[in-house]
């Protein structure tokens, strides 16, 4: 019997680890199977929830609390959610896990050197120039999940990583 509760996937990893590329592939693959999912992407949500972000610990606490609450509300309506967000503290992701029964966490493991080389938004370059002081994995802690349901590898393709998430979704009977 299908649950009326949607599922949620939190794709976490350091900035430039490949979260958004994996999310795009996952959305495409889910759609091919007739499964829709709303993407809660942190950069887009920040424009609404914290238009002039300071990236302080207090601001991040409030931001990720709101993001988790949005995901909870959406899944309670029977819709599926993909969180595409670094969420550098475990507690941010655990908040969502606590309130969303059909939840899984996917961690994109990626060495800092690869993240720096990719750096599509210039985050690491700004940090090196002294213009960004709170980059997760550099000046601010990034806490990887203790026990993610899916461990992803930035050295393989976004499609292969998305396929690994799909496999777990099927095993958990979420799809």
C-alpha atoms as a PDB file:
ATOM      1  CA  UNK A   1       0.000   0.000   0.000  1.00  0.00           C
ATOM      2  CA  UNK A   2       1.358   3.400  -0.987  1.00  0.00           C
ATOM      3  CA  UNK A   3       1.956   5.847   1.832  1.00  0.00           C
ATOM      4  CA  UNK A   4       0.172   9.183   1.744  1.00  0.00           C
ATOM      5  CA  UNK A   5       3.376  10.691   3.153  1.00  0.00           C
ATOM      6  CA  UNK A   6       5.920  11.849   0.605  1.00  0.00           C
ATOM      7  CA  UNK A   7       9.556  10.902   0.952  1.00  0.00           C
ATOM      8  CA  UNK A   8      12.497  13.244   1.434  1.00  0.00           C
ATOM      9  CA  UNK A   9      16.111  12.901   0.379  1.00  0.00           C
ATOM     10  CA  UNK A  10      18.750  15.241   1.770  1.00  0.00           C
ATOM     11  CA  UNK A  11      21.740  15.381  -0.570  1.00  0.00           C
ATOM     12  CA  UNK A  12      24.557  16.838   1.482  1.00  0.00           C
ATOM     13  CA  UNK A  13      28.232  17.479   0.875  1.00  0.00           C
ATOM     14  CA  UNK A  14      30.690  20.330   0.886  1.00  0.00           C
ATOM     15  CA  UNK A  15      30.221  23.240  -1.516  1.00  0.00           C
ATOM     16  CA  UNK A  16      31.073  22.208  -5.113  1.00  0.00           C
ATOM     17  CA  UNK A  17      30.960  18.483  -4.281  1.00  0.00           C
ATOM     18  CA  UNK A  18      28.356  17.825  -6.996  1.00  0.00           C
ATOM     19  CA  UNK A  19      25.063  17.952  -5.054  1.00  0.00           C
ATOM     20  CA  UNK A  20      23.179  19.987  -7.653  1.00  0.00           C
ATOM     21  CA  UNK A  21      24.377  17.878 -10.598  1.00  0.00           C
ATOM     22  CA  UNK A  22      23.285  14.705  -8.810  1.00  0.00           C
ATOM     23  CA  UNK A  23      19.965  16.327  -7.887  1.00  0.00           C
ATOM     24  CA  UNK A  24      19.267  17.251 -11.533  1.00  0.00           C
ATOM     25  CA  UNK A  25      19.983  13.682 -12.655  1.00  0.00           C
ATOM     26  CA  UNK A  26      17.865  12.229  -9.853  1.00  0.00           C
ATOM     27  CA  UNK A  27      14.908  14.473 -10.715  1.00  0.00           C
ATOM     28  CA  UNK A  28      15.192  13.412 -14.364  1.00  0.00           C
ATOM     29  CA  UNK A  29      15.347   9.700 -13.477  1.00  0.00           C
ATOM     30  CA  UNK A  30      12.432   9.948 -11.051  1.00  0.00           C
ATOM     31  CA  UNK A  31      10.377  11.779 -13.678  1.00  0.00           C
ATOM     32  CA  UNK A  32      11.065   8.978 -16.173  1.00  0.00           C
ATOM     33  CA  UNK A  33       9.480   6.621 -13.630  1.00  0.00           C
ATOM     34  CA  UNK A  34       6.476   8.881 -13.122  1.00  0.00           C
ATOM     35  CA  UNK A  35       7.662  10.146  -9.732  1.00  0.00           C
ATOM     36  CA  UNK A  36       7.650  13.894  -9.097  1.00  0.00           C
ATOM     37  CA  UNK A  37       9.833  15.623  -6.516  1.00  0.00           C
ATOM     38  CA  UNK A  38      10.109  19.234  -5.402  1.00  0.00           C
ATOM     39  CA  UNK A  39      13.701  20.428  -5.079  1.00  0.00           C
ATOM     40  CA  UNK A  40      14.520  22.642  -2.101  1.00  0.00           C
ATOM     41  CA  UNK A  41      17.813  24.139  -3.222  1.00  0.00           C
ATOM     42  CA  UNK A  42      19.592  26.195  -0.592  1.00  0.00           C
ATOM     43  CA  UNK A  43      20.877  28.980  -2.867  1.00  0.00           C
ATOM     44  CA  UNK A  44      17.387  29.622  -4.272  1.00  0.00           C
ATOM     45  CA  UNK A  45      15.768  29.456  -0.820  1.00  0.00           C
ATOM     46  CA  UNK A  46      18.342  31.842   0.644  1.00  0.00           C
ATOM     47  CA  UNK A  47      17.183  34.540  -1.778  1.00  0.00           C
ATOM     48  CA  UNK A  48      13.746  34.303  -0.138  1.00  0.00           C
ATOM     49  CA  UNK A  49      14.507  33.421   3.489  1.00  0.00           C
ATOM     50  CA  UNK A  50      17.743  35.375   4.030  1.00  0.00           C
ATOM     51  CA  UNK A  51      18.113  37.823   1.113  1.00  0.00           C
ATOM     52  CA  UNK A  52      21.298  39.344   2.563  1.00  0.00           C
ATOM     53  CA  UNK A  53      22.978  36.308   4.108  1.00  0.00           C
ATOM     54  CA  UNK A  54      25.722  36.660   6.674  1.00  0.00           C
ATOM     55  CA  UNK A  55      26.265  32.883   6.923  1.00  0.00           C
ATOM     56  CA  UNK A  56      26.646  33.220  10.687  1.00  0.00           C
ATOM     57  CA  UNK A  57      25.934  30.186  12.861  1.00  0.00           C
ATOM     58  CA  UNK A  58      22.738  31.807  14.155  1.00  0.00           C
ATOM     59  CA  UNK A  59      21.530  32.604  10.645  1.00  0.00           C
ATOM     60  CA  UNK A  60      22.338  29.083   9.424  1.00  0.00           C
ATOM     61  CA  UNK A  61      20.469  27.590  12.406  1.00  0.00           C
ATOM     62  CA  UNK A  62      17.360  29.596  11.527  1.00  0.00           C
ATOM     63  CA  UNK A  63      17.681  29.016   7.796  1.00  0.00           C
ATOM     64  CA  UNK A  64      18.018  25.232   8.015  1.00  0.00           C
ATOM     65  CA  UNK A  65      15.230  25.040  10.603  1.00  0.00           C
ATOM     66  CA  UNK A  66      12.937  26.759   8.083  1.00  0.00           C
ATOM     67  CA  UNK A  67      14.148  24.548   5.235  1.00  0.00           C
ATOM     68  CA  UNK A  68      13.451  21.401   7.294  1.00  0.00           C
ATOM     69  CA  UNK A  69      10.002  22.753   8.200  1.00  0.00           C
ATOM     70  CA  UNK A  70       9.221  23.430   4.526  1.00  0.00           C
ATOM     71  CA  UNK A  71      10.230  19.893   3.620  1.00  0.00           C
ATOM     72  CA  UNK A  72       8.087  18.509   6.431  1.00  0.00           C
ATOM     73  CA  UNK A  73       5.042  20.476   5.258  1.00  0.00           C
ATOM     74  CA  UNK A  74       5.511  19.383   1.659  1.00  0.00           C
ATOM     75  CA  UNK A  75       5.943  15.679   2.475  1.00  0.00           C
ATOM     76  CA  UNK A  76       2.861  15.762   4.716  1.00  0.00           C
ATOM     77  CA  UNK A  77       0.911  16.768   1.605  1.00  0.00           C
ATOM     78  CA  UNK A  78       2.015  13.539  -0.049  1.00  0.00           C
ATOM     79  CA  UNK A  79       4.663  15.186  -2.218  1.00  0.00           C
ATOM     80  CA  UNK A  80       8.308  14.155  -2.454  1.00  0.00           C
ATOM     81  CA  UNK A  81      11.201  16.464  -1.615  1.00  0.00           C
ATOM     82  CA  UNK A  82      14.866  16.580  -2.499  1.00  0.00           C
ATOM     83  CA  UNK A  83      16.943  18.878  -0.292  1.00  0.00           C
ATOM     84  CA  UNK A  84      19.926  20.112  -2.320  1.00  0.00           C
ATOM     85  CA  UNK A  85      21.825  21.795   0.489  1.00  0.00           C
ATOM     86  CA  UNK A  86      25.192  21.589   2.234  1.00  0.00           C
ATOM     87  CA  UNK A  87      23.646  21.852   5.726  1.00  0.00           C
ATOM     88  CA  UNK A  88      27.077  21.808   7.329  1.00  0.00           C
ATOM     89  CA  UNK A  89      25.852  20.634  10.759  1.00  0.00           C
ATOM     90  CA  UNK A  90      24.383  17.161  11.318  1.00  0.00           C
ATOM     91  CA  UNK A  91      21.730  18.695  13.559  1.00  0.00           C
ATOM     92  CA  UNK A  92      20.252  20.584  10.585  1.00  0.00           C
ATOM     93  CA  UNK A  93      19.679  17.365   8.660  1.00  0.00           C
ATOM     94  CA  UNK A  94      18.620  15.423  11.754  1.00  0.00           C
ATOM     95  CA  UNK A  95      15.857  17.977  12.338  1.00  0.00           C
ATOM     96  CA  UNK A  96      14.321  16.968   9.016  1.00  0.00           C
ATOM     97  CA  UNK A  97      14.859  13.263   9.715  1.00  0.00           C
ATOM     98  CA  UNK A  98      13.016  13.610  13.033  1.00  0.00           C
ATOM     99  CA  UNK A  99       9.913  15.077  11.394  1.00  0.00           C
ATOM    100  CA  UNK A 100       9.824  13.225   8.074  1.00  0.00           C
ATOM    101  CA  UNK A 101       9.156   9.491   8.484  1.00  0.00           C
ATOM    102  CA  UNK A 102      10.227   8.561   4.943  1.00  0.00           C
ATOM    103  CA  UNK A 103      13.632  10.243   4.970  1.00  0.00           C
ATOM    104  CA  UNK A 104      17.032   9.324   3.662  1.00  0.00           C
ATOM    105  CA  UNK A 105      20.349  11.096   3.640  1.00  0.00           C
ATOM    106  CA  UNK A 106      22.797  10.904   0.741  1.00  0.00           C
ATOM    107  CA  UNK A 107      26.320  12.141   1.396  1.00  0.00           C
ATOM    108  CA  UNK A 108      28.529  13.240  -1.505  1.00  0.00           C
ATOM    109  CA  UNK A 109      32.038  12.419  -0.365  1.00  0.00           C
ATOM    110  CA  UNK A 110      34.486  14.724  -2.103  1.00  0.00           C
ATOM    111  CA  UNK A 111      38.034  15.779  -1.219  1.00  0.00           C
ATOM    112  CA  UNK A 112      38.415  19.512  -0.574  1.00  0.00           C
ATOM    113  CA  UNK A 113      40.950  19.703  -3.443  1.00  0.00           C
ATOM    114  CA  UNK A 114      38.345  18.557  -5.968  1.00  0.00           C
ATOM    115  CA  UNK A 115      35.762  20.975  -4.539  1.00  0.00           C
ATOM    116  CA  UNK A 116      38.287  23.830  -4.870  1.00  0.00           C
ATOM    117  CA  UNK A 117      39.115  22.846  -8.456  1.00  0.00           C
ATOM    118  CA  UNK A 118      35.432  22.763  -9.437  1.00  0.00           C
ATOM    119  CA  UNK A 119      34.304  25.879  -7.532  1.00  0.00           C
ATOM    120  CA  UNK A 120      31.574  26.941 -10.032  1.00  0.00           C
ATOM    121  CA  UNK A 121      30.333  29.748  -7.771  1.00  0.00           C
ATOM    122  CA  UNK A 122      33.771  31.025  -6.773  1.00  0.00           C
ATOM    123  CA  UNK A 123      33.234  30.185  -3.091  1.00  0.00           C
ATOM    124  CA  UNK A 124      36.726  28.810  -2.488  1.00  0.00           C
ATOM    125  CA  UNK A 125      38.341  31.585  -4.545  1.00  0.00           C
ATOM    126  CA  UNK A 126      36.557  34.209  -2.404  1.00  0.00           C
ATOM    127  CA  UNK A 127      37.718  32.414   0.753  1.00  0.00           C
ATOM    128  CA  UNK A 128      41.325  32.357  -0.507  1.00  0.00           C
ATOM    129  CA  UNK A 129      41.075  36.097  -1.225  1.00  0.00           C
ATOM    130  CA  UNK A 130      39.760  36.759   2.292  1.00  0.00           C
ATOM    131  CA  UNK A 131      36.286  37.713   1.017  1.00  0.00           C
ATOM    132  CA  UNK A 132      34.414  34.726   2.515  1.00  0.00           C
ATOM    133  CA  UNK A 133      35.016  33.750   6.129  1.00  0.00           C
ATOM    134  CA  UNK A 134      32.504  30.967   6.756  1.00  0.00           C
ATOM    135  CA  UNK A 135      32.981  28.357   4.020  1.00  0.00           C
ATOM    136  CA  UNK A 136      32.050  24.870   5.264  1.00  0.00           C
ATOM    137  CA  UNK A 137      35.088  22.619   5.229  1.00  0.00           C
ATOM    138  CA  UNK A 138      37.459  25.593   5.496  1.00  0.00           C
ATOM    139  CA  UNK A 139      36.707  28.184   8.190  1.00  0.00           C
ATOM    140  CA  UNK A 140      33.470  26.527   9.333  1.00  0.00           C
ATOM    141  CA  UNK A 141      33.010  22.882  10.210  1.00  0.00           C
ATOM    142  CA  UNK A 142      31.312  20.507   7.806  1.00  0.00           C
ATOM    143  CA  UNK A 143      29.963  17.501   9.709  1.00  0.00           C
ATOM    144  CA  UNK A 144      29.441  14.568   7.356  1.00  0.00           C
ATOM    145  CA  UNK A 145      26.541  12.274   8.208  1.00  0.00           C
ATOM    146  CA  UNK A 146      27.368   9.596  10.771  1.00  0.00           C
ATOM    147  CA  UNK A 147      25.336   6.933   8.946  1.00  0.00           C
ATOM    148  CA  UNK A 148      23.948   8.104   5.597  1.00  0.00           C
ATOM    149  CA  UNK A 149      21.612   5.737   3.800  1.00  0.00           C
ATOM    150  CA  UNK A 150      23.613   6.408   0.628  1.00  0.00           C
ATOM    151  CA  UNK A 151      27.291   7.275   0.304  1.00  0.00           C
ATOM    152  CA  UNK A 152      28.030   8.961  -3.022  1.00  0.00           C
ATOM    153  CA  UNK A 153      31.404   9.556  -4.665  1.00  0.00           C
ATOM    154  CA  UNK A 154      32.175  12.792  -6.502  1.00  0.00           C
ATOM    155  CA  UNK A 155      34.640  10.917  -8.705  1.00  0.00           C
ATOM    156  CA  UNK A 156      31.859   9.032 -10.506  1.00  0.00           C
ATOM    157  CA  UNK A 157      29.203  10.557 -12.736  1.00  0.00           C
ATOM    158  CA  UNK A 158      26.135  12.359 -11.376  1.00  0.00           C
ATOM    159  CA  UNK A 159      24.024   9.760 -13.199  1.00  0.00           C
ATOM    160  CA  UNK A 160      25.717   6.850 -11.423  1.00  0.00           C
ATOM    161  CA  UNK A 161      25.272   8.614  -8.089  1.00  0.00           C
ATOM    162  CA  UNK A 162      21.605   9.306  -8.827  1.00  0.00           C
ATOM    163  CA  UNK A 163      21.181   5.634  -9.752  1.00  0.00           C
ATOM    164  CA  UNK A 164      22.554   4.654  -6.305  1.00  0.00           C
ATOM    165  CA  UNK A 165      19.897   6.839  -4.655  1.00  0.00           C
ATOM    166  CA  UNK A 166      17.168   5.301  -6.839  1.00  0.00           C
ATOM    167  CA  UNK A 167      18.294   1.836  -5.777  1.00  0.00           C
ATOM    168  CA  UNK A 168      17.873   2.722  -2.086  1.00  0.00           C
ATOM    169  CA  UNK A 169      14.506   4.393  -2.734  1.00  0.00           C
ATOM    170  CA  UNK A 170      13.327   1.124  -4.268  1.00  0.00           C
ATOM    171  CA  UNK A 171      14.796  -0.998  -1.464  1.00  0.00           C
ATOM    172  CA  UNK A 172      12.989   1.162   1.108  1.00  0.00           C
ATOM    173  CA  UNK A 173       9.837   0.876  -1.035  1.00  0.00           C
ATOM    174  CA  UNK A 174       9.541   4.661  -1.300  1.00  0.00           C
ATOM    175  CA  UNK A 175       9.043   4.234  -5.060  1.00  0.00           C
END
